[in-house]
Amino acid sequence: MYILGLTTMGDSAATLINDGEIIAAAEEERFSRKKHHIGFPYKAIEYCLDYAGITLKDVEHVGHYWKPWILRHKAMQAVKSALISPAMFKARVDRGVAQVSDSYLGMFKHPQRLRERFGASNFKFHFLEHHQTHAASAFFVSPFDSAAILTWDGTGEDTTTLFSSGKDNKIKVLKRIKLPHSLGQFYSAVTNYIGFDMFAGDEWKVMGLAA
């Protein structure tokens, strides 16, 4: 059974799996030559399908790492930031409007984009929770049959930290921390404060300087 996994925002990429084995994976930036490529990974998908010698008709499931309808906490966070920092509020609103129109709402068109580019197919499309995909990518390729799992970033849909337990082929969510409580976004704010661009991946530069 072929499964295609997609990421379409920062660092857009595609991965093709067959019966639990990774067959091919590629980031779109390798083809577009745009660092941290944002957008639908057409070339990465094409590479994965060609590498496996299959077409989209052979793919039964497509997974995407975001549930775009969960936006309420992000909107509230932008409003609250206005009370703390007008500059931060403007940055979040400017980015938020673009994300809602180009990224979040655009996700609903992903099944259509696939069929328009790669031909008719009866695949089932799955919108998956961001942090649960992080947990799955860590646990299912690990050598452990059971493990405690911690995922931690700026934010997913509205979750910033997820505590889970993994056993065999199951992952159970134990606890969530949601916006506005985010150590990752605090790091982003510090990045912005010292003159770097928190929306351009400059956190990595700050990490390098801190090291």
N, C-alpha and C. Protein backbone atom coordinates (compact mmCIF):
# COMPACT_ATOMS: atom_id res chain seq x y z
N MET A 1 0.84 -1.19 0.00
CA MET A 1 0.00 0.00 0.00
C MET A 1 0.88 1.25 0.00
N TYR A 2 0.72 2.07 -1.00
CA TYR A 2 1.51 3.30 -1.11
C TYR A 2 0.81 4.44 -0.37
N ILE A 3 1.61 5.17 0.42
CA ILE A 3 1.13 6.34 1.15
C ILE A 3 2.05 7.51 0.81
N LEU A 4 1.46 8.63 0.46
CA LEU A 4 2.22 9.84 0.14
C LEU A 4 2.04 10.86 1.26
N GLY A 5 3.13 11.33 1.82
CA GLY A 5 3.08 12.35 2.87
C GLY A 5 3.54 13.69 2.34
N LEU A 6 2.83 14.76 2.73
CA LEU A 6 3.12 16.09 2.20
C LEU A 6 3.29 17.11 3.31
N THR A 7 4.20 18.06 3.09
CA THR A 7 4.26 19.29 3.86
C THR A 7 4.31 20.43 2.86
N THR A 8 3.52 21.47 3.08
CA THR A 8 3.35 22.50 2.05
C THR A 8 3.63 23.91 2.51
N MET A 9 4.02 24.10 3.75
CA MET A 9 4.36 25.45 4.19
C MET A 9 5.88 25.57 4.19
N GLY A 10 6.50 25.95 5.29
CA GLY A 10 7.95 26.05 5.28
C GLY A 10 8.60 24.70 5.03
N ASP A 11 9.66 24.68 4.24
CA ASP A 11 10.38 23.44 3.93
C ASP A 11 9.46 22.40 3.29
N SER A 12 8.73 22.80 2.26
CA SER A 12 7.80 21.91 1.58
C SER A 12 8.52 20.65 1.10
N ALA A 13 7.83 19.50 1.23
CA ALA A 13 8.48 18.24 0.91
C ALA A 13 7.44 17.16 0.66
N ALA A 14 7.92 16.03 0.14
CA ALA A 14 7.07 14.86 -0.08
C ALA A 14 7.84 13.61 0.29
N THR A 15 7.11 12.62 0.81
CA THR A 15 7.69 11.32 1.14
C THR A 15 6.74 10.23 0.67
N LEU A 16 7.29 9.19 0.07
CA LEU A 16 6.49 8.07 -0.40
C LEU A 16 6.85 6.83 0.41
N ILE A 17 5.82 6.18 0.96
CA ILE A 17 5.99 4.99 1.79
C ILE A 17 5.22 3.83 1.18
N ASN A 18 5.80 2.65 1.21
CA ASN A 18 5.11 1.45 0.73
C ASN A 18 5.20 0.37 1.80
N ASP A 19 4.05 -0.02 2.35
CA ASP A 19 3.99 -1.05 3.39
C ASP A 19 4.95 -0.77 4.54
N GLY A 20 4.98 0.49 4.98
CA GLY A 20 5.78 0.88 6.12
C GLY A 20 7.23 1.19 5.83
N GLU A 21 7.66 1.06 4.60
CA GLU A 21 9.05 1.34 4.23
C GLU A 21 9.14 2.63 3.42
N ILE A 22 10.06 3.51 3.80
CA ILE A 22 10.25 4.75 3.05
C ILE A 22 10.93 4.43 1.72
N ILE A 23 10.25 4.78 0.63
CA ILE A 23 10.76 4.51 -0.71
C ILE A 23 11.54 5.71 -1.24
N ALA A 24 10.99 6.90 -1.06
CA ALA A 24 11.63 8.11 -1.57
C ALA A 24 11.17 9.31 -0.76
N ALA A 25 12.03 10.32 -0.67
CA ALA A 25 11.69 11.56 0.02
C ALA A 25 12.51 12.70 -0.58
N ALA A 26 11.90 13.87 -0.67
CA ALA A 26 12.62 15.01 -1.25
C ALA A 26 12.00 16.31 -0.78
N GLU A 27 12.84 17.34 -0.62
CA GLU A 27 12.37 18.69 -0.33
C GLU A 27 12.25 19.48 -1.62
N GLU A 28 11.23 20.29 -1.71
CA GLU A 28 10.98 21.06 -2.92
C GLU A 28 12.11 22.03 -3.23
N GLU A 29 12.80 22.52 -2.19
CA GLU A 29 13.87 23.50 -2.41
C GLU A 29 15.01 22.93 -3.26
N ARG A 30 15.14 21.61 -3.29
CA ARG A 30 16.19 20.99 -4.11
C ARG A 30 15.93 21.20 -5.60
N PHE A 31 14.67 21.40 -5.94
CA PHE A 31 14.30 21.59 -7.34
C PHE A 31 14.06 23.06 -7.68
N SER A 32 13.46 23.80 -6.73
CA SER A 32 13.15 25.22 -6.98
C SER A 32 14.35 26.11 -6.73
N ARG A 33 15.33 25.61 -5.96
CA ARG A 33 16.50 26.39 -5.54
C ARG A 33 16.12 27.56 -4.65
N LYS A 34 14.96 27.47 -3.99
CA LYS A 34 14.51 28.48 -3.04
C LYS A 34 14.60 27.89 -1.64
N LYS A 35 15.46 28.46 -0.82
CA LYS A 35 15.65 27.95 0.53
C LYS A 35 14.36 28.02 1.33
N HIS A 36 14.03 26.97 2.07
CA HIS A 36 12.80 26.89 2.87
C HIS A 36 11.56 27.10 2.00
N HIS A 37 11.53 26.47 0.85
CA HIS A 37 10.45 26.65 -0.13
C HIS A 37 9.08 26.53 0.54
N ILE A 38 8.21 27.49 0.23
CA ILE A 38 6.83 27.47 0.71
C ILE A 38 5.91 27.27 -0.48
N GLY A 39 5.02 26.31 -0.39
CA GLY A 39 4.09 26.05 -1.49
C GLY A 39 3.94 24.56 -1.74
N PHE A 40 3.10 24.22 -2.69
CA PHE A 40 2.82 22.81 -2.97
C PHE A 40 4.05 22.16 -3.61
N PRO A 41 4.49 21.01 -3.10
CA PRO A 41 5.75 20.41 -3.57
C PRO A 41 5.59 19.54 -4.82
N TYR A 42 5.22 20.17 -5.92
CA TYR A 42 4.96 19.43 -7.16
C TYR A 42 6.18 18.62 -7.61
N LYS A 43 7.34 19.24 -7.63
CA LYS A 43 8.54 18.57 -8.13
C LYS A 43 8.98 17.44 -7.19
N ALA A 44 8.83 17.66 -5.90
CA ALA A 44 9.19 16.62 -4.93
C ALA A 44 8.28 15.41 -5.08
N ILE A 45 6.99 15.66 -5.30
CA ILE A 45 6.04 14.56 -5.52
C ILE A 45 6.40 13.81 -6.80
N GLU A 46 6.67 14.57 -7.85
CA GLU A 46 7.03 13.96 -9.13
C GLU A 46 8.27 13.08 -8.98
N TYR A 47 9.25 13.58 -8.24
CA TYR A 47 10.47 12.80 -8.00
C TYR A 47 10.15 11.49 -7.30
N CYS A 48 9.33 11.55 -6.24
CA CYS A 48 9.01 10.34 -5.47
C CYS A 48 8.28 9.31 -6.32
N LEU A 49 7.30 9.76 -7.10
CA LEU A 49 6.54 8.84 -7.95
C LEU A 49 7.45 8.22 -9.02
N ASP A 50 8.27 9.05 -9.64
CA ASP A 50 9.17 8.55 -10.68
C ASP A 50 10.19 7.56 -10.11
N TYR A 51 10.70 7.87 -8.93
CA TYR A 51 11.69 6.99 -8.30
C TYR A 51 11.11 5.60 -8.05
N ALA A 52 9.84 5.58 -7.63
CA ALA A 52 9.18 4.30 -7.34
C ALA A 52 8.63 3.63 -8.60
N GLY A 53 8.59 4.38 -9.70
CA GLY A 53 8.06 3.84 -10.94
C GLY A 53 6.56 3.64 -10.91
N ILE A 54 5.85 4.54 -10.23
CA ILE A 54 4.40 4.45 -10.12
C ILE A 54 3.76 5.77 -10.53
N THR A 55 2.43 5.80 -10.56
CA THR A 55 1.68 7.03 -10.80
C THR A 55 0.80 7.30 -9.59
N LEU A 56 0.13 8.43 -9.60
CA LEU A 56 -0.74 8.78 -8.48
C LEU A 56 -1.86 7.76 -8.29
N LYS A 57 -2.26 7.09 -9.36
CA LYS A 57 -3.32 6.08 -9.26
C LYS A 57 -2.93 4.93 -8.33
N ASP A 58 -1.64 4.72 -8.15
CA ASP A 58 -1.17 3.63 -7.29
C ASP A 58 -1.15 4.02 -5.81
N VAL A 59 -1.35 5.30 -5.51
CA VAL A 59 -1.31 5.79 -4.13
C VAL A 59 -2.71 5.68 -3.52
N GLU A 60 -2.80 5.01 -2.37
CA GLU A 60 -4.10 4.81 -1.72
C GLU A 60 -4.43 5.90 -0.71
N HIS A 61 -3.40 6.44 -0.05
CA HIS A 61 -3.63 7.45 0.98
C HIS A 61 -2.62 8.59 0.83
N VAL A 62 -3.09 9.80 1.08
CA VAL A 62 -2.23 10.99 1.11
C VAL A 62 -2.43 11.67 2.45
N GLY A 63 -1.34 11.93 3.15
CA GLY A 63 -1.41 12.58 4.46
C GLY A 63 -0.77 13.96 4.43
N HIS A 64 -1.41 14.90 5.12
CA HIS A 64 -0.89 16.26 5.22
C HIS A 64 -0.82 16.64 6.69
N TYR A 65 0.24 17.32 7.09
CA TYR A 65 0.58 17.49 8.50
C TYR A 65 -0.12 18.66 9.19
N TRP A 66 -1.31 19.01 8.78
CA TRP A 66 -1.98 20.17 9.38
C TRP A 66 -3.49 20.04 9.22
N LYS A 67 -4.21 20.47 10.26
CA LYS A 67 -5.66 20.57 10.18
C LYS A 67 -6.00 22.06 10.06
N PRO A 68 -6.25 22.55 8.86
CA PRO A 68 -6.35 23.99 8.62
C PRO A 68 -7.54 24.68 9.27
N TRP A 69 -8.52 23.92 9.73
CA TRP A 69 -9.71 24.56 10.31
C TRP A 69 -9.49 24.96 11.77
N ILE A 70 -8.36 24.60 12.37
CA ILE A 70 -8.09 24.99 13.76
C ILE A 70 -7.26 26.27 13.75
N LEU A 71 -7.91 27.41 13.79
CA LEU A 71 -7.21 28.69 13.69
C LEU A 71 -7.53 29.65 14.84
N ARG A 72 -8.51 29.30 15.65
CA ARG A 72 -9.05 30.27 16.62
C ARG A 72 -8.00 30.75 17.62
N HIS A 73 -7.16 29.83 18.11
CA HIS A 73 -6.17 30.23 19.11
C HIS A 73 -5.12 31.16 18.52
N LYS A 74 -4.77 30.95 17.25
CA LYS A 74 -3.79 31.83 16.62
C LYS A 74 -4.35 33.23 16.46
N ALA A 75 -5.63 33.33 16.11
CA ALA A 75 -6.26 34.64 15.96
C ALA A 75 -6.28 35.38 17.30
N MET A 76 -6.63 34.67 18.38
CA MET A 76 -6.67 35.28 19.70
C MET A 76 -5.28 35.71 20.14
N GLN A 77 -4.27 34.94 19.80
CA GLN A 77 -2.90 35.29 20.17
C GLN A 77 -2.48 36.59 19.51
N ALA A 78 -2.86 36.78 18.25
CA ALA A 78 -2.51 38.01 17.53
C ALA A 78 -3.15 39.22 18.21
N VAL A 79 -4.40 39.06 18.64
CA VAL A 79 -5.10 40.15 19.32
C VAL A 79 -4.41 40.48 20.65
N LYS A 80 -4.06 39.46 21.41
CA LYS A 80 -3.41 39.69 22.71
C LYS A 80 -2.04 40.34 22.55
N SER A 81 -1.34 40.00 21.46
CA SER A 81 -0.01 40.57 21.26
C SER A 81 -0.07 42.07 21.04
N ALA A 82 -1.22 42.58 20.59
CA ALA A 82 -1.38 44.02 20.38
C ALA A 82 -1.25 44.78 21.70
N LEU A 83 -1.63 44.13 22.80
CA LEU A 83 -1.56 44.76 24.11
C LEU A 83 -0.13 44.78 24.64
N ILE A 84 0.72 43.95 24.08
CA ILE A 84 2.10 43.83 24.56
C ILE A 84 3.07 44.59 23.67
N SER A 85 2.95 44.39 22.36
CA SER A 85 3.89 44.99 21.41
C SER A 85 3.21 45.27 20.09
N PRO A 86 2.99 46.56 19.76
CA PRO A 86 2.39 46.89 18.46
C PRO A 86 3.19 46.34 17.29
N ALA A 87 4.52 46.34 17.40
CA ALA A 87 5.36 45.83 16.31
C ALA A 87 5.13 44.34 16.11
N MET A 88 5.04 43.60 17.22
CA MET A 88 4.80 42.16 17.14
C MET A 88 3.41 41.89 16.56
N PHE A 89 2.44 42.70 16.97
CA PHE A 89 1.08 42.54 16.45
C PHE A 89 1.04 42.75 14.94
N LYS A 90 1.72 43.80 14.46
CA LYS A 90 1.73 44.06 13.02
C LYS A 90 2.40 42.91 12.27
N ALA A 91 3.50 42.40 12.82
CA ALA A 91 4.20 41.29 12.16
C ALA A 91 3.31 40.06 12.08
N ARG A 92 2.58 39.79 13.16
CA ARG A 92 1.72 38.60 13.18
C ARG A 92 0.52 38.78 12.25
N VAL A 93 -0.06 39.97 12.21
CA VAL A 93 -1.21 40.21 11.34
C VAL A 93 -0.80 40.13 9.88
N ASP A 94 0.31 40.78 9.53
CA ASP A 94 0.78 40.75 8.13
C ASP A 94 1.02 39.31 7.68
N ARG A 95 1.68 38.54 8.53
CA ARG A 95 1.95 37.14 8.17
C ARG A 95 0.68 36.31 8.23
N GLY A 96 -0.18 36.60 9.21
CA GLY A 96 -1.40 35.82 9.39
C GLY A 96 -2.35 35.92 8.21
N VAL A 97 -2.53 37.13 7.67
CA VAL A 97 -3.42 37.31 6.52
C VAL A 97 -2.91 36.51 5.33
N ALA A 98 -1.60 36.56 5.11
CA ALA A 98 -1.02 35.80 3.99
C ALA A 98 -1.16 34.31 4.21
N GLN A 99 -0.95 33.85 5.45
CA GLN A 99 -1.05 32.43 5.73
C GLN A 99 -2.47 31.92 5.56
N VAL A 100 -3.45 32.67 6.04
CA VAL A 100 -4.83 32.22 5.94
C VAL A 100 -5.25 32.09 4.49
N SER A 101 -4.89 33.08 3.67
CA SER A 101 -5.33 33.07 2.28
C SER A 101 -4.53 32.10 1.42
N ASP A 102 -3.19 32.07 1.61
CA ASP A 102 -2.33 31.28 0.73
C ASP A 102 -2.04 29.88 1.27
N SER A 103 -1.95 29.74 2.57
CA SER A 103 -1.51 28.47 3.13
C SER A 103 -2.65 27.68 3.76
N TYR A 104 -3.29 28.24 4.79
CA TYR A 104 -4.29 27.48 5.53
C TYR A 104 -5.51 27.14 4.68
N LEU A 105 -6.16 28.14 4.12
CA LEU A 105 -7.33 27.87 3.30
C LEU A 105 -6.95 27.13 2.02
N GLY A 106 -5.75 27.41 1.53
CA GLY A 106 -5.28 26.73 0.33
C GLY A 106 -5.10 25.24 0.52
N MET A 107 -4.95 24.79 1.76
CA MET A 107 -4.78 23.37 2.02
C MET A 107 -5.98 22.55 1.57
N PHE A 108 -7.15 23.14 1.63
CA PHE A 108 -8.35 22.41 1.22
C PHE A 108 -8.33 22.08 -0.27
N LYS A 109 -7.47 22.77 -1.02
CA LYS A 109 -7.36 22.52 -2.46
C LYS A 109 -6.30 21.48 -2.81
N HIS A 110 -5.62 20.95 -1.81
CA HIS A 110 -4.53 20.01 -2.10
C HIS A 110 -4.98 18.77 -2.87
N PRO A 111 -6.10 18.13 -2.51
CA PRO A 111 -6.53 16.97 -3.31
C PRO A 111 -6.76 17.35 -4.77
N GLN A 112 -7.36 18.52 -4.99
CA GLN A 112 -7.61 18.99 -6.36
C GLN A 112 -6.29 19.23 -7.09
N ARG A 113 -5.32 19.85 -6.39
CA ARG A 113 -4.02 20.12 -7.01
C ARG A 113 -3.34 18.83 -7.45
N LEU A 114 -3.41 17.81 -6.62
CA LEU A 114 -2.80 16.53 -6.96
C LEU A 114 -3.40 15.95 -8.24
N ARG A 115 -4.72 15.95 -8.30
CA ARG A 115 -5.39 15.33 -9.45
C ARG A 115 -5.20 16.15 -10.72
N GLU A 116 -5.15 17.47 -10.58
CA GLU A 116 -4.95 18.32 -11.76
C GLU A 116 -3.56 18.11 -12.35
N ARG A 117 -2.57 17.90 -11.50
CA ARG A 117 -1.19 17.79 -11.97
C ARG A 117 -0.80 16.35 -12.35
N PHE A 118 -1.29 15.39 -11.56
CA PHE A 118 -0.81 14.02 -11.73
C PHE A 118 -1.88 13.04 -12.23
N GLY A 119 -3.07 13.55 -12.51
CA GLY A 119 -4.11 12.70 -13.08
C GLY A 119 -5.11 12.20 -12.06
N ALA A 120 -6.24 11.71 -12.55
CA ALA A 120 -7.32 11.22 -11.70
C ALA A 120 -6.83 10.07 -10.82
N SER A 121 -7.31 10.06 -9.58
CA SER A 121 -6.91 9.02 -8.63
C SER A 121 -7.95 8.93 -7.53
N ASN A 122 -8.10 7.75 -6.95
CA ASN A 122 -9.09 7.54 -5.89
C ASN A 122 -8.47 7.53 -4.50
N PHE A 123 -7.32 8.18 -4.33
CA PHE A 123 -6.68 8.21 -3.01
C PHE A 123 -7.60 8.86 -1.99
N LYS A 124 -7.38 8.51 -0.72
CA LYS A 124 -8.09 9.14 0.39
C LYS A 124 -7.15 10.17 1.01
N PHE A 125 -7.62 11.41 1.16
CA PHE A 125 -6.79 12.49 1.68
C PHE A 125 -7.05 12.66 3.17
N HIS A 126 -5.98 12.76 3.96
CA HIS A 126 -6.09 12.89 5.42
C HIS A 126 -5.40 14.16 5.89
N PHE A 127 -6.14 15.02 6.60
CA PHE A 127 -5.54 16.15 7.30
C PHE A 127 -5.19 15.66 8.70
N LEU A 128 -3.92 15.69 9.06
CA LEU A 128 -3.44 15.15 10.32
C LEU A 128 -2.95 16.26 11.23
N GLU A 129 -3.06 16.03 12.54
CA GLU A 129 -2.62 17.07 13.48
C GLU A 129 -1.10 17.21 13.45
N HIS A 130 -0.65 18.44 13.45
CA HIS A 130 0.77 18.76 13.31
C HIS A 130 1.64 18.04 14.33
N HIS A 131 1.32 18.18 15.61
CA HIS A 131 2.17 17.60 16.64
C HIS A 131 2.11 16.08 16.66
N GLN A 132 0.98 15.52 16.28
CA GLN A 132 0.90 14.06 16.23
C GLN A 132 1.75 13.49 15.10
N THR A 133 1.90 14.25 14.01
CA THR A 133 2.80 13.79 12.95
C THR A 133 4.25 13.87 13.40
N HIS A 134 4.59 14.89 14.19
CA HIS A 134 5.93 14.95 14.78
C HIS A 134 6.18 13.71 15.64
N ALA A 135 5.19 13.39 16.49
CA ALA A 135 5.33 12.24 17.38
C ALA A 135 5.48 10.95 16.59
N ALA A 136 4.70 10.80 15.53
CA ALA A 136 4.76 9.59 14.70
C ALA A 136 6.11 9.46 14.01
N SER A 137 6.63 10.60 13.51
CA SER A 137 7.91 10.55 12.79
C SER A 137 9.06 10.20 13.72
N ALA A 138 8.89 10.51 15.01
CA ALA A 138 9.94 10.17 15.98
C ALA A 138 9.81 8.72 16.46
N PHE A 139 8.60 8.30 16.78
CA PHE A 139 8.42 6.99 17.41
C PHE A 139 8.48 5.83 16.42
N PHE A 140 7.80 5.96 15.29
CA PHE A 140 7.67 4.81 14.39
C PHE A 140 8.96 4.43 13.67
N VAL A 141 9.93 5.32 13.64
CA VAL A 141 11.23 4.96 13.05
C VAL A 141 12.28 4.67 14.12
N SER A 142 11.87 4.72 15.38
CA SER A 142 12.80 4.45 16.48
C SER A 142 12.94 2.94 16.68
N PRO A 143 13.96 2.51 17.42
CA PRO A 143 14.14 1.07 17.69
C PRO A 143 13.31 0.57 18.86
N PHE A 144 12.43 1.43 19.41
CA PHE A 144 11.71 1.08 20.63
C PHE A 144 10.29 0.58 20.34
N ASP A 145 9.86 -0.42 21.12
CA ASP A 145 8.48 -0.91 21.03
C ASP A 145 7.54 -0.03 21.85
N SER A 146 8.08 0.65 22.86
CA SER A 146 7.30 1.58 23.66
C SER A 146 8.21 2.73 24.08
N ALA A 147 7.61 3.91 24.23
CA ALA A 147 8.43 5.08 24.56
C ALA A 147 7.54 6.24 25.00
N ALA A 148 8.12 7.12 25.83
CA ALA A 148 7.50 8.41 26.11
C ALA A 148 7.90 9.35 24.97
N ILE A 149 6.96 10.17 24.51
CA ILE A 149 7.21 11.04 23.36
C ILE A 149 6.89 12.48 23.74
N LEU A 150 7.82 13.39 23.47
CA LEU A 150 7.63 14.82 23.70
C LEU A 150 7.88 15.56 22.40
N THR A 151 6.91 16.31 21.92
CA THR A 151 7.10 17.18 20.76
C THR A 151 6.88 18.61 21.21
N TRP A 152 7.70 19.51 20.64
CA TRP A 152 7.81 20.85 21.24
C TRP A 152 8.27 21.80 20.15
N ASP A 153 7.46 22.77 19.77
CA ASP A 153 7.88 23.76 18.77
C ASP A 153 7.18 25.09 19.03
N GLY A 154 7.22 25.98 18.05
CA GLY A 154 6.55 27.27 18.21
C GLY A 154 5.06 27.07 18.39
N THR A 155 4.46 26.40 17.42
CA THR A 155 3.05 26.02 17.52
C THR A 155 2.68 25.14 16.35
N GLY A 156 1.73 24.26 16.61
CA GLY A 156 1.07 23.55 15.53
C GLY A 156 -0.19 24.32 15.21
N GLU A 157 -1.33 23.62 15.11
CA GLU A 157 -2.59 24.33 14.89
C GLU A 157 -2.88 25.25 16.07
N ASP A 158 -2.89 24.68 17.27
CA ASP A 158 -3.02 25.49 18.48
C ASP A 158 -2.23 24.88 19.63
N THR A 159 -1.62 23.75 19.40
CA THR A 159 -0.81 23.07 20.41
C THR A 159 0.66 23.45 20.23
N THR A 160 1.32 23.73 21.35
CA THR A 160 2.75 24.09 21.30
C THR A 160 3.63 22.98 21.85
N THR A 161 3.08 22.17 22.74
CA THR A 161 3.82 21.05 23.33
C THR A 161 2.86 19.88 23.49
N LEU A 162 3.32 18.68 23.12
CA LEU A 162 2.47 17.49 23.21
C LEU A 162 3.23 16.38 23.93
N PHE A 163 2.58 15.84 24.96
CA PHE A 163 3.12 14.68 25.67
C PHE A 163 2.33 13.45 25.25
N SER A 164 3.02 12.41 24.79
CA SER A 164 2.35 11.20 24.31
C SER A 164 3.10 9.97 24.79
N SER A 165 2.43 8.82 24.66
CA SER A 165 3.10 7.54 24.89
C SER A 165 2.90 6.68 23.66
N GLY A 166 3.95 6.00 23.25
CA GLY A 166 3.87 5.13 22.09
C GLY A 166 4.06 3.68 22.50
N LYS A 167 3.23 2.80 21.93
CA LYS A 167 3.37 1.36 22.18
C LYS A 167 2.96 0.61 20.93
N ASP A 168 3.85 -0.24 20.44
CA ASP A 168 3.62 -1.00 19.21
C ASP A 168 3.31 -0.03 18.07
N ASN A 169 2.11 -0.09 17.51
CA ASN A 169 1.77 0.81 16.40
C ASN A 169 0.74 1.87 16.80
N LYS A 170 0.69 2.19 18.10
CA LYS A 170 -0.28 3.16 18.60
C LYS A 170 0.43 4.29 19.35
N ILE A 171 -0.12 5.49 19.23
CA ILE A 171 0.34 6.64 20.00
C ILE A 171 -0.84 7.23 20.75
N LYS A 172 -0.69 7.38 22.06
CA LYS A 172 -1.76 7.92 22.90
C LYS A 172 -1.35 9.30 23.41
N VAL A 173 -2.20 10.29 23.17
CA VAL A 173 -1.94 11.65 23.65
C VAL A 173 -2.25 11.71 25.14
N LEU A 174 -1.30 12.21 25.93
CA LEU A 174 -1.46 12.30 27.37
C LEU A 174 -1.80 13.71 27.83
N LYS A 175 -1.14 14.71 27.25
CA LYS A 175 -1.36 16.09 27.69
C LYS A 175 -0.92 17.05 26.60
N ARG A 176 -1.60 18.20 26.55
CA ARG A 176 -1.24 19.25 25.60
C ARG A 176 -1.00 20.57 26.33
N ILE A 177 -0.10 21.36 25.79
CA ILE A 177 0.03 22.76 26.18
C ILE A 177 -0.30 23.57 24.94
N LYS A 178 -1.21 24.54 25.08
CA LYS A 178 -1.68 25.29 23.91
C LYS A 178 -1.26 26.75 23.98
N LEU A 179 -1.43 27.42 22.86
CA LEU A 179 -1.19 28.86 22.80
C LEU A 179 -1.99 29.58 23.87
N PRO A 180 -1.46 30.65 24.46
CA PRO A 180 -0.24 31.38 24.06
C PRO A 180 1.03 30.88 24.74
N HIS A 181 0.96 29.75 25.44
CA HIS A 181 2.12 29.25 26.19
C HIS A 181 3.04 28.49 25.25
N SER A 182 4.13 29.12 24.84
CA SER A 182 5.01 28.52 23.85
C SER A 182 6.45 28.99 24.05
N LEU A 183 7.31 28.08 24.47
CA LEU A 183 8.72 28.42 24.59
C LEU A 183 9.32 28.69 23.21
N GLY A 184 8.83 27.98 22.20
CA GLY A 184 9.31 28.19 20.84
C GLY A 184 9.02 29.59 20.34
N GLN A 185 7.82 30.10 20.65
CA GLN A 185 7.49 31.46 20.21
C GLN A 185 8.21 32.51 21.04
N PHE A 186 8.52 32.19 22.28
CA PHE A 186 9.37 33.09 23.07
C PHE A 186 10.75 33.20 22.41
N TYR A 187 11.26 32.08 21.94
CA TYR A 187 12.55 32.07 21.23
C TYR A 187 12.44 32.91 19.95
N SER A 188 11.30 32.79 19.25
CA SER A 188 11.09 33.58 18.04
C SER A 188 11.07 35.07 18.36
N ALA A 189 10.42 35.43 19.47
CA ALA A 189 10.35 36.84 19.87
C ALA A 189 11.73 37.40 20.17
N VAL A 190 12.56 36.60 20.84
CA VAL A 190 13.94 37.03 21.13
C VAL A 190 14.72 37.20 19.82
N THR A 191 14.50 36.27 18.89
CA THR A 191 15.14 36.36 17.57
C THR A 191 14.79 37.68 16.90
N ASN A 192 13.51 38.04 16.94
CA ASN A 192 13.04 39.28 16.33
C ASN A 192 13.61 40.49 17.06
N TYR A 193 13.68 40.42 18.38
CA TYR A 193 14.12 41.54 19.20
C TYR A 193 15.57 41.91 18.92
N ILE A 194 16.43 40.92 18.65
CA ILE A 194 17.84 41.22 18.44
C ILE A 194 18.17 41.50 16.98
N GLY A 195 17.12 41.66 16.16
CA GLY A 195 17.34 42.15 14.80
C GLY A 195 17.25 41.13 13.69
N PHE A 196 16.97 39.87 14.03
CA PHE A 196 16.81 38.85 13.00
C PHE A 196 15.34 38.72 12.62
N ASP A 197 15.05 37.93 11.60
CA ASP A 197 13.69 37.76 11.11
C ASP A 197 13.13 36.43 11.61
N MET A 198 12.18 36.51 12.53
CA MET A 198 11.66 35.27 13.11
C MET A 198 10.80 34.50 12.12
N PHE A 199 10.38 35.12 11.02
CA PHE A 199 9.55 34.45 10.03
C PHE A 199 10.37 33.92 8.85
N ALA A 200 11.68 34.10 8.90
CA ALA A 200 12.53 33.65 7.79
C ALA A 200 13.46 32.52 8.21
N GLY A 201 13.17 31.93 9.36
CA GLY A 201 14.02 30.84 9.83
C GLY A 201 15.29 31.28 10.51
N ASP A 202 15.35 32.55 10.93
CA ASP A 202 16.59 33.05 11.53
C ASP A 202 16.83 32.52 12.94
N GLU A 203 15.85 31.80 13.50
CA GLU A 203 16.10 31.17 14.80
C GLU A 203 17.34 30.29 14.75
N TRP A 204 17.57 29.66 13.58
CA TRP A 204 18.74 28.79 13.43
C TRP A 204 20.03 29.60 13.56
N LYS A 205 20.02 30.83 13.08
CA LYS A 205 21.21 31.68 13.21
C LYS A 205 21.46 32.01 14.68
N VAL A 206 20.37 32.30 15.40
CA VAL A 206 20.51 32.62 16.82
C VAL A 206 21.01 31.39 17.59
N MET A 207 20.51 30.21 17.22
CA MET A 207 21.00 28.99 17.85
C MET A 207 22.49 28.81 17.62
N GLY A 208 22.93 29.11 16.39
CA GLY A 208 24.35 29.00 16.08
C GLY A 208 25.19 29.97 16.88
N LEU A 209 24.69 31.20 17.03
CA LEU A 209 25.41 32.20 17.81
C LEU A 209 25.45 31.80 19.29
N ALA A 210 24.35 31.24 19.79
CA ALA A 210 24.28 30.84 21.19
C ALA A 210 25.24 29.69 21.48
N ALA A 211 25.45 28.84 20.47
CA ALA A 211 26.36 27.70 20.67
C ALA A 211 27.81 28.16 20.71
